[in-house]
PDB file of all heavy atoms in Angstrom:
ATOM      1  N   PHE A   1     106.693  93.680  99.478  1.00  0.00           N
ATOM      2  CA  PHE A   1     105.966  92.449  99.763  1.00  0.00           C
ATOM      3  C   PHE A   1     106.843  91.518 100.586  1.00  0.00           C
ATOM      4  O   PHE A   1     108.072  91.609 100.561  1.00  0.00           O
ATOM      5  CB  PHE A   1     105.593  91.724  98.459  1.00  0.00           C
ATOM      6  CG  PHE A   1     104.806  92.538  97.486  1.00  0.00           C
ATOM      7  CD1 PHE A   1     105.445  93.401  96.601  1.00  0.00           C
ATOM      8  CD2 PHE A   1     103.424  92.445  97.445  1.00  0.00           C
ATOM      9  CE1 PHE A   1     104.718  94.153  95.686  1.00  0.00           C
ATOM     10  CE2 PHE A   1     102.690  93.194  96.536  1.00  0.00           C
ATOM     11  CZ  PHE A   1     103.333  94.051  95.653  1.00  0.00           C
ATOM     12  N   LYS A   2     106.225  90.594 101.313  1.00  0.00           N
ATOM     13  CA  LYS A   2     106.969  89.504 101.926  1.00  0.00           C
ATOM     14  C   LYS A   2     107.335  88.493 100.839  1.00  0.00           C
ATOM     15  O   LYS A   2     106.547  88.242  99.923  1.00  0.00           O
ATOM     16  CB  LYS A   2     106.137  88.811 102.994  1.00  0.00           C
ATOM     17  CG  LYS A   2     105.788  89.677 104.189  1.00  0.00           C
ATOM     18  CD  LYS A   2     104.942  88.893 105.190  1.00  0.00           C
ATOM     19  CE  LYS A   2     104.530  89.748 106.372  1.00  0.00           C
ATOM     20  NZ  LYS A   2     103.685  88.994 107.330  1.00  0.00           N
ATOM     21  N   GLN A   3     108.515  87.904 100.941  1.00  0.00           N
ATOM     22  CA  GLN A   3     108.873  86.829 100.022  1.00  0.00           C
ATOM     23  C   GLN A   3     107.975  85.615 100.241  1.00  0.00           C
ATOM     24  O   GLN A   3     107.667  84.881  99.302  1.00  0.00           O
ATOM     25  CB  GLN A   3     110.336  86.432 100.214  1.00  0.00           C
ATOM     26  CG  GLN A   3     111.327  87.526  99.833  1.00  0.00           C
ATOM     27  CD  GLN A   3     112.758  87.121 100.093  1.00  0.00           C
ATOM     28  OE1 GLN A   3     113.105  85.929 100.091  1.00  0.00           O
ATOM     29  NE2 GLN A   3     113.627  88.093 100.326  1.00  0.00           N
ATOM     30  N   ASN A   4     107.566  85.420 101.481  1.00  0.00           N
ATOM     31  CA  ASN A   4     106.699  84.302 101.848  1.00  0.00           C
ATOM     32  C   ASN A   4     105.639  84.841 102.784  1.00  0.00           C
ATOM     33  O   ASN A   4     105.937  85.208 103.921  1.00  0.00           O
ATOM     34  CB  ASN A   4     107.528  83.204 102.527  1.00  0.00           C
ATOM     35  CG  ASN A   4     106.695  82.015 102.970  1.00  0.00           C
ATOM     36  OD1 ASN A   4     105.467  82.051 102.949  1.00  0.00           O
ATOM     37  ND2 ASN A   4     107.369  80.946 103.389  1.00  0.00           N
ATOM     38  N   ASN A   5     104.395  84.911 102.334  1.00  0.00           N
ATOM     39  CA  ASN A   5     103.344  85.512 103.154  1.00  0.00           C
ATOM     40  C   ASN A   5     103.101  84.746 104.446  1.00  0.00           C
ATOM     41  O   ASN A   5     102.572  85.303 105.406  1.00  0.00           O
ATOM     42  CB  ASN A   5     102.042  85.613 102.361  1.00  0.00           C
ATOM     43  CG  ASN A   5     102.070  86.748 101.355  1.00  0.00           C
ATOM     44  OD1 ASN A   5     102.560  87.838 101.656  1.00  0.00           O
ATOM     45  ND2 ASN A   5     101.563  86.506 100.157  1.00  0.00           N
ATOM     46  N   GLY A   6     103.499  83.467 104.474  1.00  0.00           N
ATOM     47  CA  GLY A   6     103.310  82.675 105.683  1.00  0.00           C
ATOM     48  C   GLY A   6     104.449  82.776 106.668  1.00  0.00           C
ATOM     49  O   GLY A   6     104.346  82.262 107.792  1.00  0.00           O
ATOM     50  N   ASP A   7     105.562  83.421 106.281  1.00  0.00           N
ATOM     51  CA  ASP A   7     106.739  83.490 107.145  1.00  0.00           C
ATOM     52  C   ASP A   7     107.546  84.722 106.772  1.00  0.00           C
ATOM     53  O   ASP A   7     108.229  84.741 105.748  1.00  0.00           O
ATOM     54  CB  ASP A   7     107.585  82.217 106.981  1.00  0.00           C
ATOM     55  CG  ASP A   7     108.845  82.220 107.834  1.00  0.00           C
ATOM     56  OD1 ASP A   7     109.011  83.143 108.649  1.00  0.00           O
ATOM     57  OD2 ASP A   7     109.660  81.304 107.663  1.00  0.00           O
ATOM     58  N   THR A   8     107.476  85.749 107.631  1.00  0.00           N
ATOM     59  CA  THR A   8     108.181  87.001 107.354  1.00  0.00           C
ATOM     60  C   THR A   8     109.684  86.780 107.186  1.00  0.00           C
ATOM     61  O   THR A   8     110.338  87.492 106.425  1.00  0.00           O
ATOM     62  CB  THR A   8     107.937  88.009 108.497  1.00  0.00           C
ATOM     63  OG1 THR A   8     106.523  88.196 108.645  1.00  0.00           O
ATOM     64  CG2 THR A   8     108.594  89.350 108.208  1.00  0.00           C
ATOM     65  N   PHE A   9     110.224  85.777 107.873  1.00  0.00           N
ATOM     66  CA  PHE A   9     111.666  85.509 107.826  1.00  0.00           C
ATOM     67  C   PHE A   9     112.019  84.479 106.750  1.00  0.00           C
ATOM     68  O   PHE A   9     113.195  84.230 106.492  1.00  0.00           O
ATOM     69  CB  PHE A   9     112.158  85.047 109.193  1.00  0.00           C
ATOM     70  CG  PHE A   9     111.867  86.032 110.289  1.00  0.00           C
ATOM     71  CD1 PHE A   9     110.741  85.899 111.088  1.00  0.00           C
ATOM     72  CD2 PHE A   9     112.697  87.117 110.505  1.00  0.00           C
ATOM     73  CE1 PHE A   9     110.449  86.822 112.086  1.00  0.00           C
ATOM     74  CE2 PHE A   9     112.423  88.051 111.493  1.00  0.00           C
ATOM     75  CZ  PHE A   9     111.298  87.899 112.288  1.00  0.00           C
ATOM     76  N   ASN A  10     111.011  83.866 106.137  1.00  0.00           N
ATOM     77  CA  ASN A  10     111.179  82.917 105.035  1.00  0.00           C
ATOM     78  C   ASN A  10     112.235  81.856 105.355  1.00  0.00           C
ATOM     79  O   ASN A  10     113.104  81.523 104.545  1.00  0.00           O
ATOM     80  CB  ASN A  10     111.558  83.652 103.745  1.00  0.00           C
ATOM     81  CG  ASN A  10     111.302  82.801 102.504  1.00  0.00           C
ATOM     82  OD1 ASN A  10     110.464  81.893 102.519  1.00  0.00           O
ATOM     83  ND2 ASN A  10     112.000  83.090 101.424  1.00  0.00           N
ATOM     84  N   GLY A  11     112.165  81.323 106.570  1.00  0.00           N
ATOM     85  CA  GLY A  11     113.089  80.272 106.976  1.00  0.00           C
ATOM     86  C   GLY A  11     114.410  80.763 107.522  1.00  0.00           C
ATOM     87  O   GLY A  11     115.236  79.962 107.965  1.00  0.00           O
ATOM     88  N   GLY A  12     114.648  82.067 107.503  1.00  0.00           N
ATOM     89  CA  GLY A  12     115.904  82.620 108.002  1.00  0.00           C
ATOM     90  C   GLY A  12     115.918  82.721 109.515  1.00  0.00           C
ATOM     91  O   GLY A  12     114.915  82.468 110.196  1.00  0.00           O
ATOM     92  N   GLY A  13     117.079  83.097 110.063  1.00  0.00           N
ATOM     93  CA  GLY A  13     117.239  83.151 111.500  1.00  0.00           C
ATOM     94  C   GLY A  13     116.353  84.202 112.152  1.00  0.00           C
ATOM     95  O   GLY A  13     116.241  85.329 111.666  1.00  0.00           O
ATOM     96  N   ASN A  14     115.735  83.837 113.265  1.00  0.00           N
ATOM     97  CA  ASN A  14     114.929  84.776 114.031  1.00  0.00           C
ATOM     98  C   ASN A  14     114.696  84.210 115.419  1.00  0.00           C
ATOM     99  O   ASN A  14     114.871  83.023 115.658  1.00  0.00           O
ATOM    100  CB  ASN A  14     113.597  85.076 113.332  1.00  0.00           C
ATOM    101  CG  ASN A  14     112.690  83.864 113.253  1.00  0.00           C
ATOM    102  OD1 ASN A  14     111.852  83.650 114.128  1.00  0.00           O
ATOM    103  ND2 ASN A  14     112.855  83.055 112.208  1.00  0.00           N
ATOM    104  N   LEU A  15     114.281  85.074 116.321  1.00  0.00           N
ATOM    105  CA  LEU A  15     114.110  84.673 117.713  1.00  0.00           C
ATOM    106  C   LEU A  15     113.146  85.623 118.397  1.00  0.00           C
ATOM    107  O   LEU A  15     113.159  86.832 118.135  1.00  0.00           O
ATOM    108  CB  LEU A  15     115.471  84.716 118.431  1.00  0.00           C
ATOM    109  CG  LEU A  15     115.602  84.023 119.784  1.00  0.00           C
ATOM    110  CD1 LEU A  15     115.406  82.511 119.626  1.00  0.00           C
ATOM    111  CD2 LEU A  15     116.989  84.299 120.374  1.00  0.00           C
ATOM    112  N   HIS A  16     112.312  85.075 119.277  1.00  0.00           N
ATOM    113  CA  HIS A  16     111.410  85.900 120.060  1.00  0.00           C
ATOM    114  C   HIS A  16     112.185  86.561 121.191  1.00  0.00           C
ATOM    115  O   HIS A  16     112.936  85.908 121.919  1.00  0.00           O
ATOM    116  CB  HIS A  16     110.275  85.056 120.642  1.00  0.00           C
ATOM    117  CG  HIS A  16     109.324  85.827 121.477  1.00  0.00           C
ATOM    118  ND1 HIS A  16     109.408  85.883 122.849  1.00  0.00           N
ATOM    119  CD2 HIS A  16     108.268  86.616 121.140  1.00  0.00           C
ATOM    120  CE1 HIS A  16     108.440  86.648 123.323  1.00  0.00           C
ATOM    121  NE2 HIS A  16     107.742  87.107 122.310  1.00  0.00           N
ATOM    122  N   VAL A  17     112.028  87.894 121.331  1.00  0.00           N
ATOM    123  CA  VAL A  17     112.733  88.633 122.375  1.00  0.00           C
ATOM    124  C   VAL A  17     111.777  89.595 123.069  1.00  0.00           C
ATOM    125  O   VAL A  17     110.769  90.025 122.499  1.00  0.00           O
ATOM    126  CB  VAL A  17     113.934  89.423 121.814  1.00  0.00           C
ATOM    127  CG1 VAL A  17     114.967  88.489 121.208  1.00  0.00           C
ATOM    128  CG2 VAL A  17     113.483  90.469 120.802  1.00  0.00           C
ATOM    129  N   ASN A  18     112.118  89.914 124.311  1.00  0.00           N
ATOM    130  CA  ASN A  18     111.445  90.974 125.063  1.00  0.00           C
ATOM    131  C   ASN A  18     112.499  92.008 125.427  1.00  0.00           C
ATOM    132  O   ASN A  18     113.546  91.660 125.983  1.00  0.00           O
ATOM    133  CB  ASN A  18     110.804  90.423 126.336  1.00  0.00           C
ATOM    134  CG  ASN A  18     109.606  89.539 126.047  1.00  0.00           C
ATOM    135  OD1 ASN A  18     108.553  90.022 125.647  1.00  0.00           O
ATOM    136  ND2 ASN A  18     109.768  88.243 126.241  1.00  0.00           N
ATOM    137  N   VAL A  19     112.230  93.262 125.117  1.00  0.00           N
ATOM    138  CA  VAL A  19     113.200  94.316 125.402  1.00  0.00           C
ATOM    139  C   VAL A  19     112.543  95.444 126.193  1.00  0.00           C
ATOM    140  O   VAL A  19     111.316  95.563 126.233  1.00  0.00           O
ATOM    141  CB  VAL A  19     113.822  94.881 124.100  1.00  0.00           C
ATOM    142  CG1 VAL A  19     114.594  93.798 123.356  1.00  0.00           C
ATOM    143  CG2 VAL A  19     112.749  95.484 123.194  1.00  0.00           C
ATOM    144  N   ALA A  20     113.397  96.258 126.810  1.00  0.00           N
ATOM    145  CA  ALA A  20     112.909  97.373 127.613  1.00  0.00           C
ATOM    146  C   ALA A  20     113.595  98.657 127.195  1.00  0.00           C
ATOM    147  O   ALA A  20     114.762  98.657 126.796  1.00  0.00           O
ATOM    148  CB  ALA A  20     113.167  97.107 129.096  1.00  0.00           C
ATOM    149  N   SER A  21     112.858  99.756 127.331  1.00  0.00           N
ATOM    150  CA  SER A  21     113.322 101.132 127.032  1.00  0.00           C
ATOM    151  C   SER A  21     113.721 101.314 125.574  1.00  0.00           C
ATOM    152  O   SER A  21     114.885 101.552 125.291  1.00  0.00           O
ATOM    153  CB  SER A  21     114.470 101.526 127.970  1.00  0.00           C
ATOM    154  OG  SER A  21     114.023 101.589 129.289  1.00  0.00           O
ATOM    155  N   PRO A  22     112.820 101.240 124.643  1.00  0.00           N
ATOM    156  CA  PRO A  22     111.381 101.066 124.799  1.00  0.00           C
ATOM    157  C   PRO A  22     110.989  99.600 125.006  1.00  0.00           C
ATOM    158  O   PRO A  22     111.722  98.695 124.607  1.00  0.00           O
ATOM    159  CB  PRO A  22     110.826 101.584 123.468  1.00  0.00           C
ATOM    160  CG  PRO A  22     111.911 101.299 122.486  1.00  0.00           C
ATOM    161  CD  PRO A  22     113.198 101.499 123.234  1.00  0.00           C
ATOM    162  N   THR A  23     109.832  99.413 125.608  1.00  0.00           N
ATOM    163  CA  THR A  23     109.334  98.068 125.882  1.00  0.00           C
ATOM    164  C   THR A  23     108.697  97.486 124.637  1.00  0.00           C
ATOM    165  O   THR A  23     107.882  98.136 123.986  1.00  0.00           O
ATOM    166  CB  THR A  23     108.307  98.104 127.028  1.00  0.00           C
ATOM    167  OG1 THR A  23     108.939  98.623 128.199  1.00  0.00           O
ATOM    168  CG2 THR A  23     107.764  96.712 127.309  1.00  0.00           C
ATOM    169  N   ALA A  24     109.102  96.273 124.303  1.00  0.00           N
ATOM    170  CA  ALA A  24     108.541  95.611 123.123  1.00  0.00           C
ATOM    171  C   ALA A  24     108.672  94.111 123.271  1.00  0.00           C
ATOM    172  O   ALA A  24     109.623  93.604 123.862  1.00  0.00           O
ATOM    173  CB  ALA A  24     109.252  96.076 121.852  1.00  0.00           C
ATOM    174  N   ASN A  25     107.707  93.416 122.730  1.00  0.00           N
ATOM    175  CA  ASN A  25     107.687  91.966 122.634  1.00  0.00           C
ATOM    176  C   ASN A  25     107.721  91.668 121.143  1.00  0.00           C
ATOM    177  O   ASN A  25     106.757  91.934 120.431  1.00  0.00           O
ATOM    178  CB  ASN A  25     106.398  91.438 123.286  1.00  0.00           C
ATOM    179  CG  ASN A  25     106.327  89.938 123.329  1.00  0.00           C
ATOM    180  OD1 ASN A  25     106.902  89.258 122.492  1.00  0.00           O
ATOM    181  ND2 ASN A  25     105.593  89.406 124.293  1.00  0.00           N
ATOM    182  N   ALA A  26     108.846  91.160 120.646  1.00  0.00           N
ATOM    183  CA  ALA A  26     109.032  91.147 119.193  1.00  0.00           C
ATOM    184  C   ALA A  26     109.777  89.914 118.719  1.00  0.00           C
ATOM    185  O   ALA A  26     110.431  89.218 119.501  1.00  0.00           O
ATOM    186  CB  ALA A  26     109.808  92.401 118.772  1.00  0.00           C
ATOM    187  N   MET A  27     109.675  89.667 117.431  1.00  0.00           N
ATOM    188  CA  MET A  27     110.513  88.699 116.756  1.00  0.00           C
ATOM    189  C   MET A  27     111.679  89.465 116.144  1.00  0.00           C
ATOM    190  O   MET A  27     111.480  90.428 115.404  1.00  0.00           O
ATOM    191  CB  MET A  27     109.735  87.952 115.675  1.00  0.00           C
ATOM    192  CG  MET A  27     108.592  87.106 116.208  1.00  0.00           C
ATOM    193  SD  MET A  27     109.133  85.798 117.343  1.00  0.00           S
ATOM    194  CE  MET A  27     110.135  84.777 116.246  1.00  0.00           C
ATOM    195  N   ALA A  28     112.896  89.042 116.459  1.00  0.00           N
ATOM    196  CA  ALA A  28     114.092  89.739 115.990  1.00  0.00           C
ATOM    197  C   ALA A  28     114.801  88.902 114.935  1.00  0.00           C
ATOM    198  O   ALA A  28     115.003  87.699 115.112  1.00  0.00           O
ATOM    199  CB  ALA A  28     115.038  90.001 117.161  1.00  0.00           C
ATOM    200  N   GLY A  29     115.180  89.548 113.850  1.00  0.00           N
ATOM    201  CA  GLY A  29     115.886  88.879 112.764  1.00  0.00           C
ATOM    202  C   GLY A  29     115.705  89.647 111.472  1.00  0.00           C
ATOM    203  O   GLY A  29     115.006  90.669 111.434  1.00  0.00           O
ATOM    204  N   GLY A  30     116.333  89.178 110.418  1.00  0.00           N
ATOM    205  CA  GLY A  30     116.238  89.845 109.134  1.00  0.00           C
ATOM    206  C   GLY A  30     114.965  89.466 108.396  1.00  0.00           C
ATOM    207  O   GLY A  30     114.686  88.285 108.184  1.00  0.00           O
ATOM    208  N   PHE A  31     114.187  90.470 107.985  1.00  0.00           N
ATOM    209  CA  PHE A  31     112.952  90.237 107.229  1.00  0.00           C
ATOM    210  C   PHE A  31     113.286  89.921 105.773  1.00  0.00           C
ATOM    211  O   PHE A  31     114.059  90.652 105.138  1.00  0.00           O
ATOM    212  CB  PHE A  31     112.043  91.468 107.260  1.00  0.00           C
ATOM    213  CG  PHE A  31     111.645  91.919 108.638  1.00  0.00           C
ATOM    214  CD1 PHE A  31     111.721  93.265 108.980  1.00  0.00           C
ATOM    215  CD2 PHE A  31     111.186  91.025 109.584  1.00  0.00           C
ATOM    216  CE1 PHE A  31     111.345  93.714 110.234  1.00  0.00           C
ATOM    217  CE2 PHE A  31     110.809  91.456 110.852  1.00  0.00           C
ATOM    218  CZ  PHE A  31     110.889  92.802 111.180  1.00  0.00           C
ATOM    219  N   ARG A  32     112.665  88.880 105.224  1.00  0.00           N
ATOM    220  CA  ARG A  32     112.857  88.556 103.806  1.00  0.00           C
ATOM    221  C   ARG A  32     111.735  89.204 103.009  1.00  0.00           C
ATOM    222  O   ARG A  32     110.587  88.778 103.069  1.00  0.00           O
ATOM    223  CB  ARG A  32     112.834  87.039 103.581  1.00  0.00           C
ATOM    224  CG  ARG A  32     114.179  86.346 103.674  1.00  0.00           C
ATOM    225  CD  ARG A  32     114.879  86.528 104.982  1.00  0.00           C
ATOM    226  NE  ARG A  32     116.058  85.671 105.074  1.00  0.00           N
ATOM    227  CZ  ARG A  32     116.818  85.591 106.141  1.00  0.00           C
ATOM    228  NH1 ARG A  32     116.547  86.319 107.205  1.00  0.00           N
ATOM    229  NH2 ARG A  32     117.874  84.803 106.159  1.00  0.00           N
ATOM    230  N   LEU A  33     112.087  90.269 102.285  1.00  0.00           N
ATOM    231  CA  LEU A  33     111.108  91.046 101.535  1.00  0.00           C
ATOM    232  C   LEU A  33     111.479  91.080 100.058  1.00  0.00           C
ATOM    233  O   LEU A  33     112.534  90.603  99.649  1.00  0.00           O
ATOM    234  CB  LEU A  33     111.025  92.472 102.095  1.00  0.00           C
ATOM    235  CG  LEU A  33     110.736  92.618 103.592  1.00  0.00           C
ATOM    236  CD1 LEU A  33     110.691  94.097 103.985  1.00  0.00           C
ATOM    237  CD2 LEU A  33     109.452  91.911 103.975  1.00  0.00           C
ATOM    238  N   LYS A  34     110.604  91.673  99.254  1.00  0.00           N
ATOM    239  CA  LYS A  34     110.874  91.880  97.837  1.00  0.00           C
ATOM    240  C   LYS A  34     110.106  93.098  97.372  1.00  0.00           C
ATOM    241  O   LYS A  34     109.120  93.526  97.998  1.00  0.00           O
ATOM    242  CB  LYS A  34     110.469  90.652  97.014  1.00  0.00           C
ATOM    243  CG  LYS A  34     108.985  90.295  97.095  1.00  0.00           C
ATOM    244  CD  LYS A  34     108.675  89.036  96.286  1.00  0.00           C
ATOM    245  CE  LYS A  34     107.182  88.683  96.369  1.00  0.00           C
ATOM    246  NZ  LYS A  34     106.871  87.472  95.559  1.00  0.00           N
ATOM    247  N   ASP A  35     110.574  93.670  96.262  1.00  0.00           N
ATOM    248  CA  ASP A  35     109.864  94.818  95.705  1.00  0.00           C
ATOM    249  C   ASP A  35     108.905  94.362  94.614  1.00  0.00           C
ATOM    250  O   ASP A  35     108.742  93.158  94.374  1.00  0.00           O
ATOM    251  CB  ASP A  35     110.843  95.880  95.199  1.00  0.00           C
ATOM    252  CG  ASP A  35     111.734  95.379  94.070  1.00  0.00           C
ATOM    253  OD1 ASP A  35     111.384  94.383  93.385  1.00  0.00           O
ATOM    254  OD2 ASP A  35     112.799  95.994  93.845  1.00  0.00           O
ATOM    255  N   GLY A  36     108.287  95.319  93.943  1.00  0.00           N
ATOM    256  CA  GLY A  36     107.299  94.982  92.926  1.00  0.00           C
ATOM    257  C   GLY A  36     107.862  94.303  91.705  1.00  0.00           C
ATOM    258  O   GLY A  36     107.103  93.725  90.906  1.00  0.00           O
ATOM    259  N   ASP A  37     109.184  94.336  91.529  1.00  0.00           N
ATOM    260  CA  ASP A  37     109.842  93.642  90.419  1.00  0.00           C
ATOM    261  C   ASP A  37     110.412  92.300  90.839  1.00  0.00           C
ATOM    262  O   ASP A  37     111.222  91.709  90.117  1.00  0.00           O
ATOM    263  CB  ASP A  37     110.961  94.517  89.843  1.00  0.00           C
ATOM    264  CG  ASP A  37     110.433  95.784  89.205  1.00  0.00           C
ATOM    265  OD1 ASP A  37     109.356  95.727  88.569  1.00  0.00           O
ATOM    266  OD2 ASP A  37     111.080  96.845  89.354  1.00  0.00           O
ATOM    267  N   ASP A  38     110.004  91.813  91.995  1.00  0.00           N
ATOM    268  CA  ASP A  38     110.462  90.537  92.564  1.00  0.00           C
ATOM    269  C   ASP A  38     111.944  90.529  92.916  1.00  0.00           C
ATOM    270  O   ASP A  38     112.563  89.459  92.992  1.00  0.00           O
ATOM    271  CB  ASP A  38     110.142  89.362  91.622  1.00  0.00           C
ATOM    272  CG  ASP A  38     108.703  88.893  91.751  1.00  0.00           C
ATOM    273  OD1 ASP A  38     108.087  89.157  92.800  1.00  0.00           O
ATOM    274  OD2 ASP A  38     108.203  88.251  90.811  1.00  0.00           O
ATOM    275  N   ASN A  39     112.529  91.694  93.146  1.00  0.00           N
ATOM    276  CA  ASN A  39     113.905  91.755  93.640  1.00  0.00           C
ATOM    277  C   ASN A  39     113.893  91.479  95.133  1.00  0.00           C
ATOM    278  O   ASN A  39     113.327  92.246  95.915  1.00  0.00           O
ATOM    279  CB  ASN A  39     114.511  93.128  93.365  1.00  0.00           C
ATOM    280  CG  ASN A  39     114.639  93.419  91.885  1.00  0.00           C
ATOM    281  OD1 ASN A  39     115.190  92.623  91.136  1.00  0.00           O
ATOM    282  ND2 ASN A  39     114.116  94.559  91.451  1.00  0.00           N
ATOM    283  N   ALA A  40     114.507  90.376  95.550  1.00  0.00           N
ATOM    284  CA  ALA A  40     114.479  89.956  96.948  1.00  0.00           C
ATOM    285  C   ALA A  40     115.621  90.600  97.729  1.00  0.00           C
ATOM    286  O   ALA A  40     116.710  90.827  97.200  1.00  0.00           O
ATOM    287  CB  ALA A  40     114.579  88.436  97.037  1.00  0.00           C
ATOM    288  N   PHE A  41     115.373  90.896  98.994  1.00  0.00           N
ATOM    289  CA  PHE A  41     116.397  91.474  99.855  1.00  0.00           C
ATOM    290  C   PHE A  41     116.053  91.194 101.313  1.00  0.00           C
ATOM    291  O   PHE A  41     114.936  90.772 101.637  1.00  0.00           O
ATOM    292  CB  PHE A  41     116.540  92.984  99.619  1.00  0.00           C
ATOM    293  CG  PHE A  41     115.282  93.776  99.869  1.00  0.00           C
ATOM    294  CD1 PHE A  41     115.037  94.362 101.111  1.00  0.00           C
ATOM    295  CD2 PHE A  41     114.336  93.949  98.859  1.00  0.00           C
ATOM    296  CE1 PHE A  41     113.888  95.094 101.338  1.00  0.00           C
ATOM    297  CE2 PHE A  41     113.176  94.684  99.083  1.00  0.00           C
ATOM    298  CZ  PHE A  41     112.953  95.261 100.328  1.00  0.00           C
ATOM    299  N   VAL A  42     117.037  91.415 102.183  1.00  0.00           N
ATOM    300  CA  VAL A  42     116.835  91.287 103.632  1.00  0.00           C
ATOM    301  C   VAL A  42     116.761  92.688 104.223  1.00  0.00           C
ATOM    302  O   VAL A  42     117.617  93.530 103.949  1.00  0.00           O
ATOM    303  CB  VAL A  42     117.983  90.495 104.288  1.00  0.00           C
ATOM    304  CG1 VAL A  42     117.791  90.425 105.802  1.00  0.00           C
ATOM    305  CG2 VAL A  42     118.066  89.086 103.696  1.00  0.00           C
ATOM    306  N   ALA A  43     115.733  92.932 105.009  1.00  0.00           N
ATOM    307  CA  ALA A  43     115.543  94.241 105.640  1.00  0.00           C
ATOM    308  C   ALA A  43     115.595  94.091 107.153  1.00  0.00           C
ATOM    309  O   ALA A  43     115.254  93.039 107.705  1.00  0.00           O
ATOM    310  CB  ALA A  43     114.210  94.852 105.218  1.00  0.00           C
ATOM    311  N   TRP A  44     116.009  95.184 107.810  1.00  0.00           N
ATOM    312  CA  TRP A  44     116.158  95.192 109.261  1.00  0.00           C
ATOM    313  C   TRP A  44     115.343  96.327 109.855  1.00  0.00           C
ATOM    314  O   TRP A  44     115.229  97.407 109.267  1.00  0.00           O
ATOM    315  CB  TRP A  44     117.631  95.347 109.634  1.00  0.00           C
ATOM    316  CG  TRP A  44     118.457  94.218 109.106  1.00  0.00           C
ATOM    317  CD1 TRP A  44     119.057  94.135 107.887  1.00  0.00           C
ATOM    318  CD2 TRP A  44     118.726  92.974 109.765  1.00  0.00           C
ATOM    319  NE1 TRP A  44     119.699  92.927 107.738  1.00  0.00           N
ATOM    320  CE2 TRP A  44     119.521  92.194 108.873  1.00  0.00           C
ATOM    321  CE3 TRP A  44     118.407  92.454 111.014  1.00  0.00           C
ATOM    322  CZ2 TRP A  44     119.963  90.915 109.208  1.00  0.00           C
ATOM    323  CZ3 TRP A  44     118.846  91.188 111.344  1.00  0.00           C
ATOM    324  CH2 TRP A  44     119.623  90.426 110.453  1.00  0.00           C
ATOM    325  N   CYS A  45     114.785  96.067 111.024  1.00  0.00           N
ATOM    326  CA  CYS A  45     113.918  97.045 111.691  1.00  0.00           C
ATOM    327  C   CYS A  45     114.737  98.169 112.306  1.00  0.00           C
ATOM    328  O   CYS A  45     115.658  97.933 113.088  1.00  0.00           O
ATOM    329  CB  CYS A  45     113.103  96.337 112.770  1.00  0.00           C
ATOM    330  SG  CYS A  45     112.223  97.456 113.873  1.00  0.00           S
ATOM    331  N   LEU A  46     114.367  99.410 111.975  1.00  0.00           N
ATOM    332  CA  LEU A  46     114.921 100.594 112.637  1.00  0.00           C
ATOM    333  C   LEU A  46     113.820 101.365 113.357  1.00  0.00           C
ATOM    334  O   LEU A  46     113.917 102.576 113.540  1.00  0.00           O
ATOM    335  CB  LEU A  46     115.614 101.495 111.617  1.00  0.00           C
ATOM    336  CG  LEU A  46     116.857 100.935 110.916  1.00  0.00           C
ATOM    337  CD1 LEU A  46     117.471 101.981 109.998  1.00  0.00           C
ATOM    338  CD2 LEU A  46     117.876 100.420 111.911  1.00  0.00           C
ATOM    339  N   ASP A  47     112.795 100.649 113.787  1.00  0.00           N
ATOM    340  CA  ASP A  47     111.601 101.322 114.307  1.00  0.00           C
ATOM    341  C   ASP A  47     110.814 100.340 115.168  1.00  0.00           C
ATOM    342  O   ASP A  47     109.783  99.826 114.742  1.00  0.00           O
ATOM    343  CB  ASP A  47     110.774 101.818 113.117  1.00  0.00           C
ATOM    344  CG  ASP A  47     109.454 102.444 113.512  1.00  0.00           C
ATOM    345  OD1 ASP A  47     109.297 102.841 114.679  1.00  0.00           O
ATOM    346  OD2 ASP A  47     108.568 102.532 112.637  1.00  0.00           O
TER     347      ASP A  47
END
């Protein structure tokens, strides 16, 4: 789950970026997530 459904980064650092090879228009930064037991963690995109 997201820690905050209204903000994937939950106030943490992030920035809009455009990259090439592969081409993507994305928000870059650490995602603030949690598991079903409410254990919070920061996740990073590998995809």
